[in-house]
All heavy atoms as atom14 arrays in JSON, in Angstrom:
{
  "sequence": "STYLSYLPVDKVAFPLKMNTDNRGSFTELLRTFNHGQVSVNVSKPGIT",
  "atom14_mask": [
    [1, 1, 1, 1, 1, 1, 0, 0, 0, 0, 0, 0, 0, 0],
    [1, 1, 1, 1, 1, 1, 1, 0, 0, 0, 0, 0, 0, 0],
    [1, 1, 1, 1, 1, 1, 1, 1, 1, 1, 1, 1, 0, 0],
    [1, 1, 1, 1, 1, 1, 1, 1, 0, 0, 0, 0, 0, 0],
    [1, 1, 1, 1, 1, 1, 0, 0, 0, 0, 0, 0, 0, 0],
    [1, 1, 1, 1, 1, 1, 1, 1, 1, 1, 1, 1, 0, 0],
    [1, 1, 1, 1, 1, 1, 1, 1, 0, 0, 0, 0, 0, 0],
    [1, 1, 1, 1, 1, 1, 1, 0, 0, 0, 0, 0, 0, 0],
    [1, 1, 1, 1, 1, 1, 1, 0, 0, 0, 0, 0, 0, 0],
    [1, 1, 1, 1, 1, 1, 1, 1, 0, 0, 0, 0, 0, 0],
    [1, 1, 1, 1, 1, 1, 1, 1, 1, 0, 0, 0, 0, 0],
    [1, 1, 1, 1, 1, 1, 1, 0, 0, 0, 0, 0, 0, 0],
    [1, 1, 1, 1, 1, 0, 0, 0, 0, 0, 0, 0, 0, 0],
    [1, 1, 1, 1, 1, 1, 1, 1, 1, 1, 1, 0, 0, 0],
    [1, 1, 1, 1, 1, 1, 1, 0, 0, 0, 0, 0, 0, 0],
    [1, 1, 1, 1, 1, 1, 1, 1, 0, 0, 0, 0, 0, 0],
    [1, 1, 1, 1, 1, 1, 1, 1, 1, 0, 0, 0, 0, 0],
    [1, 1, 1, 1, 1, 1, 1, 1, 0, 0, 0, 0, 0, 0],
    [1, 1, 1, 1, 1, 1, 1, 1, 0, 0, 0, 0, 0, 0],
    [1, 1, 1, 1, 1, 1, 1, 0, 0, 0, 0, 0, 0, 0],
    [1, 1, 1, 1, 1, 1, 1, 1, 0, 0, 0, 0, 0, 0],
    [1, 1, 1, 1, 1, 1, 1, 1, 0, 0, 0, 0, 0, 0],
    [1, 1, 1, 1, 1, 1, 1, 1, 1, 1, 1, 0, 0, 0],
    [1, 1, 1, 1, 0, 0, 0, 0, 0, 0, 0, 0, 0, 0],
    [1, 1, 1, 1, 1, 1, 0, 0, 0, 0, 0, 0, 0, 0],
    [1, 1, 1, 1, 1, 1, 1, 1, 1, 1, 1, 0, 0, 0],
    [1, 1, 1, 1, 1, 1, 1, 0, 0, 0, 0, 0, 0, 0],
    [1, 1, 1, 1, 1, 1, 1, 1, 1, 0, 0, 0, 0, 0],
    [1, 1, 1, 1, 1, 1, 1, 1, 0, 0, 0, 0, 0, 0],
    [1, 1, 1, 1, 1, 1, 1, 1, 0, 0, 0, 0, 0, 0],
    [1, 1, 1, 1, 1, 1, 1, 1, 1, 1, 1, 0, 0, 0],
    [1, 1, 1, 1, 1, 1, 1, 0, 0, 0, 0, 0, 0, 0],
    [1, 1, 1, 1, 1, 1, 1, 1, 1, 1, 1, 0, 0, 0],
    [1, 1, 1, 1, 1, 1, 1, 1, 0, 0, 0, 0, 0, 0],
    [1, 1, 1, 1, 1, 1, 1, 1, 1, 1, 0, 0, 0, 0],
    [1, 1, 1, 1, 0, 0, 0, 0, 0, 0, 0, 0, 0, 0],
    [1, 1, 1, 1, 1, 1, 1, 1, 1, 0, 0, 0, 0, 0],
    [1, 1, 1, 1, 1, 1, 1, 0, 0, 0, 0, 0, 0, 0],
    [1, 1, 1, 1, 1, 1, 0, 0, 0, 0, 0, 0, 0, 0],
    [1, 1, 1, 1, 1, 1, 1, 0, 0, 0, 0, 0, 0, 0],
    [1, 1, 1, 1, 1, 1, 1, 1, 0, 0, 0, 0, 0, 0],
    [1, 1, 1, 1, 1, 1, 1, 0, 0, 0, 0, 0, 0, 0],
    [1, 1, 1, 1, 1, 1, 0, 0, 0, 0, 0, 0, 0, 0],
    [1, 1, 1, 1, 1, 1, 1, 1, 1, 0, 0, 0, 0, 0],
    [1, 1, 1, 1, 1, 1, 1, 0, 0, 0, 0, 0, 0, 0],
    [1, 1, 1, 1, 0, 0, 0, 0, 0, 0, 0, 0, 0, 0],
    [1, 1, 1, 1, 1, 1, 1, 1, 0, 0, 0, 0, 0, 0],
    [1, 1, 1, 1, 1, 1, 1, 0, 0, 0, 0, 0, 0, 0]
  ],
  "atom14_positions": [
    [[-7.15, -19.99, 39.72], [-5.79, -19.98, 39.65], [-5.11, -19.34, 40.91], [-4.14, -19.7, 41.45], [-5.16, -19.37, 38.34], [-5.71, -20.17, 37.21], [0.0, 0.0, 0.0], [0.0, 0.0, 0.0], [0.0, 0.0, 0.0], [0.0, 0.0, 0.0], [0.0, 0.0, 0.0], [0.0, 0.0, 0.0], [0.0, 0.0, 0.0], [0.0, 0.0, 0.0]],
    [[-5.64, -18.08, 41.26], [-5.23, -17.46, 42.44], [-5.39, -18.28, 43.55], [-4.44, -18.41, 44.57], [-5.96, -16.12, 42.45], [-5.76, -15.35, 41.33], [-5.47, -15.27, 43.7], [0.0, 0.0, 0.0], [0.0, 0.0, 0.0], [0.0, 0.0, 0.0], [0.0, 0.0, 0.0], [0.0, 0.0, 0.0], [0.0, 0.0, 0.0], [0.0, 0.0, 0.0]],
    [[-6.61, -18.85, 43.89], [-6.95, -19.6, 44.92], [-5.87, -20.71, 45.28], [-5.33, -20.97, 46.18], [-8.37, -20.15, 44.96], [-8.68, -21.18, 45.95], [-8.92, -20.91, 47.34], [-8.74, -22.61, 45.49], [-9.21, -21.96, 48.24], [-9.01, -23.63, 46.49], [-9.13, -23.32, 47.77], [-9.4, -24.15, 48.75], [0.0, 0.0, 0.0], [0.0, 0.0, 0.0]],
    [[-5.62, -21.55, 44.15], [-4.71, -22.63, 44.12], [-3.37, -22.24, 44.51], [-2.69, -23.06, 45.24], [-4.66, -23.38, 42.83], [-6.01, -24.11, 42.48], [-5.96, -24.6, 40.98], [-6.43, -25.14, 43.45], [0.0, 0.0, 0.0], [0.0, 0.0, 0.0], [0.0, 0.0, 0.0], [0.0, 0.0, 0.0], [0.0, 0.0, 0.0], [0.0, 0.0, 0.0]],
    [[-2.95, -21.01, 44.27], [-1.68, -20.69, 44.71], [-1.45, -20.48, 46.18], [-0.28, -20.35, 46.62], [-1.24, -19.29, 43.99], [-2.03, -18.26, 44.53], [0.0, 0.0, 0.0], [0.0, 0.0, 0.0], [0.0, 0.0, 0.0], [0.0, 0.0, 0.0], [0.0, 0.0, 0.0], [0.0, 0.0, 0.0], [0.0, 0.0, 0.0], [0.0, 0.0, 0.0]],
    [[-2.49, -20.41, 46.95], [-2.51, -20.34, 48.31], [-2.6, -21.64, 49.16], [-2.67, -21.74, 50.3], [-3.45, -19.32, 48.88], [-3.1, -17.97, 48.44], [-3.67, -17.49, 47.19], [-2.32, -17.08, 49.19], [-3.44, -16.22, 46.79], [-2.08, -15.8, 48.86], [-2.57, -15.32, 47.65], [-2.23, -14.08, 47.15], [0.0, 0.0, 0.0], [0.0, 0.0, 0.0]],
    [[-2.89, -22.8, 48.4], [-3.11, -24.14, 48.98], [-1.96, -24.45, 49.87], [-0.81, -24.49, 49.41], [-3.35, -25.13, 47.96], [-4.69, -25.4, 47.42], [-4.7, -26.6, 46.57], [-5.77, -25.35, 48.43], [0.0, 0.0, 0.0], [0.0, 0.0, 0.0], [0.0, 0.0, 0.0], [0.0, 0.0, 0.0], [0.0, 0.0, 0.0], [0.0, 0.0, 0.0]],
    [[-2.17, -24.95, 51.19], [-1.08, -25.46, 51.83], [-0.61, -26.75, 51.28], [-1.33, -27.51, 50.6], [-1.66, -25.68, 53.33], [-3.16, -25.81, 53.03], [-3.46, -24.88, 51.8], [0.0, 0.0, 0.0], [0.0, 0.0, 0.0], [0.0, 0.0, 0.0], [0.0, 0.0, 0.0], [0.0, 0.0, 0.0], [0.0, 0.0, 0.0], [0.0, 0.0, 0.0]],
    [[0.48, -27.21, 51.71], [1.13, -28.51, 51.04], [0.16, -29.61, 51.36], [0.06, -30.56, 50.41], [2.53, -28.72, 51.7], [3.1, -30.03, 51.27], [3.53, -27.5, 51.23], [0.0, 0.0, 0.0], [0.0, 0.0, 0.0], [0.0, 0.0, 0.0], [0.0, 0.0, 0.0], [0.0, 0.0, 0.0], [0.0, 0.0, 0.0], [0.0, 0.0, 0.0]],
    [[-0.37, -29.78, 52.5], [-1.21, -30.91, 52.72], [-2.48, -30.91, 52.02], [-3.23, -31.94, 52.05], [-1.48, -30.96, 54.27], [-2.31, -29.94, 54.84], [-2.55, -28.88, 54.1], [-2.67, -29.94, 56.0], [0.0, 0.0, 0.0], [0.0, 0.0, 0.0], [0.0, 0.0, 0.0], [0.0, 0.0, 0.0], [0.0, 0.0, 0.0], [0.0, 0.0, 0.0]],
    [[-2.75, -29.91, 51.23], [-4.03, -30.0, 50.35], [-3.68, -30.05, 48.78], [-4.69, -30.13, 48.12], [-4.93, -28.71, 50.55], [-5.58, -28.75, 51.99], [-6.6, -27.52, 52.06], [-7.27, -27.68, 53.4], [-8.27, -26.65, 53.52], [0.0, 0.0, 0.0], [0.0, 0.0, 0.0], [0.0, 0.0, 0.0], [0.0, 0.0, 0.0], [0.0, 0.0, 0.0]],
    [[-2.43, -30.14, 48.5], [-2.14, -30.09, 47.05], [-2.56, -31.53, 46.5], [-3.05, -31.42, 45.27], [-0.54, -29.86, 46.9], [-0.24, -30.05, 45.44], [-0.18, -28.47, 47.38], [0.0, 0.0, 0.0], [0.0, 0.0, 0.0], [0.0, 0.0, 0.0], [0.0, 0.0, 0.0], [0.0, 0.0, 0.0], [0.0, 0.0, 0.0], [0.0, 0.0, 0.0]],
    [[-2.34, -32.48, 47.23], [-2.92, -33.85, 46.64], [-4.13, -34.26, 47.57], [-4.22, -33.88, 48.74], [-1.88, -34.86, 46.74], [0.0, 0.0, 0.0], [0.0, 0.0, 0.0], [0.0, 0.0, 0.0], [0.0, 0.0, 0.0], [0.0, 0.0, 0.0], [0.0, 0.0, 0.0], [0.0, 0.0, 0.0], [0.0, 0.0, 0.0], [0.0, 0.0, 0.0]],
    [[-5.19, -34.86, 46.98], [-6.28, -35.43, 47.65], [-6.65, -36.73, 47.13], [-6.56, -37.05, 45.9], [-7.48, -34.3, 47.57], [-7.98, -34.03, 46.16], [-9.01, -34.78, 45.64], [-7.29, -32.98, 45.47], [-9.5, -34.53, 44.35], [-7.88, -32.69, 44.08], [-8.87, -33.47, 43.61], [0.0, 0.0, 0.0], [0.0, 0.0, 0.0], [0.0, 0.0, 0.0]],
    [[-7.3, -37.44, 48.02], [-7.67, -38.87, 47.57], [-8.9, -38.91, 46.71], [-9.82, -38.01, 46.85], [-7.86, -39.63, 48.95], [-8.29, -38.57, 49.87], [-7.6, -37.33, 49.42], [0.0, 0.0, 0.0], [0.0, 0.0, 0.0], [0.0, 0.0, 0.0], [0.0, 0.0, 0.0], [0.0, 0.0, 0.0], [0.0, 0.0, 0.0], [0.0, 0.0, 0.0]],
    [[-9.09, -39.95, 45.88], [-10.28, -40.21, 45.1], [-10.87, -41.42, 45.58], [-10.2, -42.39, 45.91], [-9.92, -40.2, 43.62], [-9.42, -38.9, 43.03], [-8.92, -39.17, 41.63], [-10.51, -37.81, 43.04], [0.0, 0.0, 0.0], [0.0, 0.0, 0.0], [0.0, 0.0, 0.0], [0.0, 0.0, 0.0], [0.0, 0.0, 0.0], [0.0, 0.0, 0.0]],
    [[-12.15, -41.56, 45.5], [-12.85, -42.78, 45.87], [-12.75, -43.8, 44.86], [-13.27, -43.72, 43.68], [-14.32, -42.52, 46.17], [-15.11, -43.8, 46.74], [-16.57, -43.47, 46.8], [-17.24, -44.7, 47.28], [-18.74, -44.47, 47.33], [0.0, 0.0, 0.0], [0.0, 0.0, 0.0], [0.0, 0.0, 0.0], [0.0, 0.0, 0.0], [0.0, 0.0, 0.0]],
    [[-11.99, -44.91, 45.01], [-11.95, -46.08, 44.1], [-12.99, -47.1, 44.4], [-13.03, -47.52, 45.65], [-10.59, -46.66, 44.16], [-9.39, -45.8, 43.74], [-7.81, -46.64, 43.85], [-7.91, -47.87, 42.69], [0.0, 0.0, 0.0], [0.0, 0.0, 0.0], [0.0, 0.0, 0.0], [0.0, 0.0, 0.0], [0.0, 0.0, 0.0], [0.0, 0.0, 0.0]],
    [[-13.78, -47.3, 43.48], [-14.78, -48.34, 43.65], [-14.19, -49.61, 43.12], [-14.1, -49.82, 41.81], [-16.16, -47.96, 42.79], [-16.7, -46.75, 43.37], [-17.28, -46.6, 44.47], [-16.62, -45.55, 42.59], [0.0, 0.0, 0.0], [0.0, 0.0, 0.0], [0.0, 0.0, 0.0], [0.0, 0.0, 0.0], [0.0, 0.0, 0.0], [0.0, 0.0, 0.0]],
    [[-13.9, -50.58, 44.04], [-13.18, -51.76, 43.48], [-13.91, -53.03, 43.77], [-14.74, -53.16, 44.65], [-11.76, -51.88, 44.35], [-12.12, -52.03, 45.66], [-11.07, -50.62, 44.02], [0.0, 0.0, 0.0], [0.0, 0.0, 0.0], [0.0, 0.0, 0.0], [0.0, 0.0, 0.0], [0.0, 0.0, 0.0], [0.0, 0.0, 0.0], [0.0, 0.0, 0.0]],
    [[-13.68, -54.01, 42.97], [-14.24, -55.24, 43.17], [-13.19, -56.35, 42.55], [-12.11, -55.87, 42.06], [-15.59, -55.53, 42.57], [-15.76, -55.15, 41.18], [-14.71, -55.27, 40.37], [-16.96, -54.88, 40.76], [0.0, 0.0, 0.0], [0.0, 0.0, 0.0], [0.0, 0.0, 0.0], [0.0, 0.0, 0.0], [0.0, 0.0, 0.0], [0.0, 0.0, 0.0]],
    [[-13.56, -57.58, 42.33], [-12.63, -58.5, 41.64], [-12.46, -58.36, 40.21], [-11.57, -58.98, 39.58], [-13.08, -60.05, 41.92], [-14.53, -60.2, 41.37], [-15.14, -59.3, 40.82], [-15.13, -61.45, 41.57], [0.0, 0.0, 0.0], [0.0, 0.0, 0.0], [0.0, 0.0, 0.0], [0.0, 0.0, 0.0], [0.0, 0.0, 0.0], [0.0, 0.0, 0.0]],
    [[-13.16, -57.39, 39.56], [-13.02, -57.14, 38.12], [-12.01, -55.99, 38.01], [-11.46, -55.93, 36.9], [-14.39, -56.72, 37.47], [-15.41, -57.81, 37.63], [-16.83, -57.28, 37.1], [-17.2, -56.01, 37.82], [-18.0, -55.14, 37.34], [-18.5, -55.27, 36.14], [-18.29, -54.0, 37.99], [0.0, 0.0, 0.0], [0.0, 0.0, 0.0], [0.0, 0.0, 0.0]],
    [[-11.77, -55.2, 38.97], [-10.9, -54.03, 38.84], [-11.38, -52.9, 39.66], [-11.83, -53.17, 40.71], [0.0, 0.0, 0.0], [0.0, 0.0, 0.0], [0.0, 0.0, 0.0], [0.0, 0.0, 0.0], [0.0, 0.0, 0.0], [0.0, 0.0, 0.0], [0.0, 0.0, 0.0], [0.0, 0.0, 0.0], [0.0, 0.0, 0.0], [0.0, 0.0, 0.0]],
    [[-11.33, -51.65, 38.96], [-11.81, -50.55, 39.75], [-12.44, -49.55, 38.75], [-12.18, -49.49, 37.62], [-10.67, -49.86, 40.47], [-9.78, -49.38, 39.58], [0.0, 0.0, 0.0], [0.0, 0.0, 0.0], [0.0, 0.0, 0.0], [0.0, 0.0, 0.0], [0.0, 0.0, 0.0], [0.0, 0.0, 0.0], [0.0, 0.0, 0.0], [0.0, 0.0, 0.0]],
    [[-13.28, -48.59, 39.41], [-13.9, -47.49, 38.67], [-13.75, -46.28, 39.59], [-14.22, -46.3, 40.66], [-15.3, -47.82, 38.29], [-16.0, -46.68, 37.54], [-15.83, -46.58, 36.22], [-16.85, -45.69, 38.22], [-16.41, -45.42, 35.55], [-17.34, -44.7, 37.57], [-17.15, -44.55, 36.18], [0.0, 0.0, 0.0], [0.0, 0.0, 0.0], [0.0, 0.0, 0.0]],
    [[-13.16, -45.12, 39.01], [-13.01, -44.05, 39.87], [-13.34, -42.78, 39.11], [-12.93, -42.54, 38.04], [-11.43, -43.83, 40.31], [-11.0, -45.06, 40.87], [-11.28, -42.7, 41.08], [0.0, 0.0, 0.0], [0.0, 0.0, 0.0], [0.0, 0.0, 0.0], [0.0, 0.0, 0.0], [0.0, 0.0, 0.0], [0.0, 0.0, 0.0], [0.0, 0.0, 0.0]],
    [[-14.28, -41.9, 39.67], [-14.61, -40.66, 39.2], [-13.51, -39.68, 39.39], [-12.96, -39.73, 40.57], [-15.88, -40.2, 39.77], [-17.16, -41.01, 39.45], [-18.4, -40.3, 39.97], [-18.38, -39.08, 40.23], [-19.39, -40.87, 40.0], [0.0, 0.0, 0.0], [0.0, 0.0, 0.0], [0.0, 0.0, 0.0], [0.0, 0.0, 0.0], [0.0, 0.0, 0.0]],
    [[-13.11, -39.04, 38.36], [-12.02, -38.01, 38.47], [-12.61, -36.68, 38.6], [-12.15, -35.87, 39.58], [-11.01, -38.08, 37.25], [-10.51, -39.4, 36.98], [-9.64, -39.35, 35.73], [-9.68, -39.97, 38.11], [0.0, 0.0, 0.0], [0.0, 0.0, 0.0], [0.0, 0.0, 0.0], [0.0, 0.0, 0.0], [0.0, 0.0, 0.0], [0.0, 0.0, 0.0]],
    [[-13.36, -36.08, 37.74], [-13.86, -34.83, 37.69], [-15.28, -34.68, 37.21], [-15.72, -35.52, 36.39], [-13.07, -33.99, 36.79], [-11.64, -33.57, 37.05], [-10.91, -32.97, 35.9], [-11.51, -32.81, 38.32], [0.0, 0.0, 0.0], [0.0, 0.0, 0.0], [0.0, 0.0, 0.0], [0.0, 0.0, 0.0], [0.0, 0.0, 0.0], [0.0, 0.0, 0.0]],
    [[-16.08, -33.85, 37.86], [-17.41, -33.53, 37.41], [-17.65, -32.04, 37.11], [-16.81, -31.31, 37.64], [-18.45, -33.76, 38.55], [-18.66, -35.36, 38.89], [-19.51, -35.45, 40.01], [-20.04, -36.84, 40.14], [-21.4, -37.22, 40.24], [-22.22, -36.31, 40.25], [-21.71, -38.48, 40.34], [0.0, 0.0, 0.0], [0.0, 0.0, 0.0], [0.0, 0.0, 0.0]],
    [[-18.44, -31.83, 36.1], [-18.66, -30.48, 35.76], [-20.18, -30.13, 35.75], [-20.9, -31.07, 35.66], [-18.18, -30.0, 34.36], [-18.96, -30.68, 33.33], [-16.67, -30.5, 34.32], [0.0, 0.0, 0.0], [0.0, 0.0, 0.0], [0.0, 0.0, 0.0], [0.0, 0.0, 0.0], [0.0, 0.0, 0.0], [0.0, 0.0, 0.0], [0.0, 0.0, 0.0]],
    [[-20.6, -28.79, 35.81], [-21.89, -28.4, 35.74], [-22.55, -28.69, 34.49], [-23.7, -29.02, 34.29], [-22.12, -26.87, 36.1], [-21.84, -26.6, 37.56], [-20.95, -25.58, 37.96], [-22.47, -27.39, 38.55], [-20.82, -25.37, 39.17], [-22.24, -27.01, 39.99], [-21.47, -26.08, 40.26], [0.0, 0.0, 0.0], [0.0, 0.0, 0.0], [0.0, 0.0, 0.0]],
    [[-21.75, -28.37, 33.27], [-22.34, -28.41, 32.01], [-21.71, -29.23, 31.11], [-22.12, -29.37, 29.86], [-22.29, -26.94, 31.46], [-22.93, -25.84, 32.34], [-24.15, -26.08, 32.63], [-22.38, -24.73, 32.63], [0.0, 0.0, 0.0], [0.0, 0.0, 0.0], [0.0, 0.0, 0.0], [0.0, 0.0, 0.0], [0.0, 0.0, 0.0], [0.0, 0.0, 0.0]],
    [[-20.67, -29.96, 31.36], [-19.9, -30.73, 30.43], [-19.64, -32.13, 30.86], [-18.48, -32.73, 30.57], [-18.5, -29.95, 30.07], [-18.81, -28.57, 29.45], [-19.36, -28.4, 28.27], [-18.61, -27.46, 30.09], [-19.5, -27.09, 28.15], [-18.97, -26.47, 29.22], [0.0, 0.0, 0.0], [0.0, 0.0, 0.0], [0.0, 0.0, 0.0], [0.0, 0.0, 0.0]],
    [[-20.46, -32.7, 31.71], [-20.33, -34.15, 32.07], [-19.28, -34.41, 33.07], [-18.95, -33.61, 33.88], [0.0, 0.0, 0.0], [0.0, 0.0, 0.0], [0.0, 0.0, 0.0], [0.0, 0.0, 0.0], [0.0, 0.0, 0.0], [0.0, 0.0, 0.0], [0.0, 0.0, 0.0], [0.0, 0.0, 0.0], [0.0, 0.0, 0.0], [0.0, 0.0, 0.0]],
    [[-18.7, -35.65, 32.96], [-17.72, -36.04, 34.06], [-16.72, -36.88, 33.35], [-16.92, -37.54, 32.27], [-18.44, -36.8, 35.19], [-18.91, -38.23, 34.91], [-19.44, -38.88, 36.07], [-20.34, -38.34, 36.85], [-19.04, -40.05, 36.36], [0.0, 0.0, 0.0], [0.0, 0.0, 0.0], [0.0, 0.0, 0.0], [0.0, 0.0, 0.0], [0.0, 0.0, 0.0]],
    [[-15.48, -37.08, 34.03], [-14.38, -37.86, 33.54], [-14.05, -38.95, 34.64], [-14.02, -38.53, 35.88], [-13.08, -37.03, 33.28], [-12.07, -37.98, 32.81], [-13.47, -35.89, 32.27], [0.0, 0.0, 0.0], [0.0, 0.0, 0.0], [0.0, 0.0, 0.0], [0.0, 0.0, 0.0], [0.0, 0.0, 0.0], [0.0, 0.0, 0.0], [0.0, 0.0, 0.0]],
    [[-13.87, -40.15, 34.2], [-13.58, -41.22, 35.19], [-12.53, -42.1, 34.5], [-12.11, -41.94, 33.34], [-14.9, -42.11, 35.32], [-16.07, -41.32, 35.72], [0.0, 0.0, 0.0], [0.0, 0.0, 0.0], [0.0, 0.0, 0.0], [0.0, 0.0, 0.0], [0.0, 0.0, 0.0], [0.0, 0.0, 0.0], [0.0, 0.0, 0.0], [0.0, 0.0, 0.0]],
    [[-11.94, -42.92, 35.31], [-10.94, -43.88, 34.91], [-11.33, -45.32, 35.39], [-11.78, -45.54, 36.48], [-9.51, -43.59, 35.34], [-9.37, -43.56, 36.85], [-8.51, -44.4, 34.68], [0.0, 0.0, 0.0], [0.0, 0.0, 0.0], [0.0, 0.0, 0.0], [0.0, 0.0, 0.0], [0.0, 0.0, 0.0], [0.0, 0.0, 0.0], [0.0, 0.0, 0.0]],
    [[-11.28, -46.21, 34.46], [-11.79, -47.66, 34.54], [-10.69, -48.52, 34.46], [-9.89, -48.36, 33.42], [-12.8, -47.97, 33.73], [-13.36, -49.39, 33.86], [-14.04, -49.69, 34.82], [-12.9, -50.35, 33.03], [0.0, 0.0, 0.0], [0.0, 0.0, 0.0], [0.0, 0.0, 0.0], [0.0, 0.0, 0.0], [0.0, 0.0, 0.0], [0.0, 0.0, 0.0]],
    [[-10.38, -49.39, 35.34], [-9.28, -50.45, 35.32], [-9.86, -51.81, 35.37], [-10.71, -52.17, 36.28], [-8.29, -50.29, 36.52], [-7.28, -51.34, 36.45], [-7.72, -48.87, 36.48], [0.0, 0.0, 0.0], [0.0, 0.0, 0.0], [0.0, 0.0, 0.0], [0.0, 0.0, 0.0], [0.0, 0.0, 0.0], [0.0, 0.0, 0.0], [0.0, 0.0, 0.0]],
    [[-9.66, -52.61, 34.23], [-10.21, -53.99, 34.08], [-9.15, -54.96, 34.26], [-8.04, -54.81, 33.52], [-10.91, -54.17, 32.75], [-11.97, -53.23, 32.74], [0.0, 0.0, 0.0], [0.0, 0.0, 0.0], [0.0, 0.0, 0.0], [0.0, 0.0, 0.0], [0.0, 0.0, 0.0], [0.0, 0.0, 0.0], [0.0, 0.0, 0.0], [0.0, 0.0, 0.0]],
    [[-9.21, -56.01, 35.01], [-8.27, -56.99, 35.27], [-8.16, -57.79, 34.01], [-9.17, -57.91, 33.15], [-8.47, -57.81, 36.55], [-8.33, -56.94, 37.8], [-8.4, -57.72, 39.05], [-8.17, -56.99, 40.3], [-6.74, -56.44, 40.25], [0.0, 0.0, 0.0], [0.0, 0.0, 0.0], [0.0, 0.0, 0.0], [0.0, 0.0, 0.0], [0.0, 0.0, 0.0]],
    [[-7.16, -58.66, 33.82], [-7.06, -59.44, 32.64], [-8.14, -60.43, 32.36], [-8.68, -61.02, 33.39], [-5.71, -60.37, 32.92], [-4.91, -59.45, 33.85], [-5.93, -58.65, 34.69], [0.0, 0.0, 0.0], [0.0, 0.0, 0.0], [0.0, 0.0, 0.0], [0.0, 0.0, 0.0], [0.0, 0.0, 0.0], [0.0, 0.0, 0.0], [0.0, 0.0, 0.0]],
    [[-8.74, -60.38, 31.18], [-9.84, -61.26, 30.78], [-11.2, -60.82, 31.28], [-12.21, -61.47, 30.94], [0.0, 0.0, 0.0], [0.0, 0.0, 0.0], [0.0, 0.0, 0.0], [0.0, 0.0, 0.0], [0.0, 0.0, 0.0], [0.0, 0.0, 0.0], [0.0, 0.0, 0.0], [0.0, 0.0, 0.0], [0.0, 0.0, 0.0], [0.0, 0.0, 0.0]],
    [[-11.29, -59.76, 31.85], [-12.53, -59.2, 32.47], [-13.34, -58.39, 31.32], [-12.77, -57.72, 30.52], [-12.36, -58.26, 33.6], [-11.87, -59.12, 34.72], [-13.67, -57.54, 34.01], [-12.86, -60.18, 35.27], [0.0, 0.0, 0.0], [0.0, 0.0, 0.0], [0.0, 0.0, 0.0], [0.0, 0.0, 0.0], [0.0, 0.0, 0.0], [0.0, 0.0, 0.0]],
    [[-14.73, -58.64, 31.34], [-15.62, -57.84, 30.56], [-16.52, -56.95, 31.34], [-16.87, -57.34, 32.37], [-16.61, -58.78, 29.67], [-15.86, -59.56, 28.89], [-17.59, -57.92, 28.98], [0.0, 0.0, 0.0], [0.0, 0.0, 0.0], [0.0, 0.0, 0.0], [0.0, 0.0, 0.0], [0.0, 0.0, 0.0], [0.0, 0.0, 0.0], [0.0, 0.0, 0.0]]
  ]
}
């Protein structure tokens, strides 16, 4: 929390790698050492 309070404005937001194809996208959000990872998946209409 202390470290984040010193972030310059240009580091407050950062890009994430979106893996995209004609079905939509899959993006990893967060990884942890002991509690897995969180991602977000976007599926286009009618896609499995």
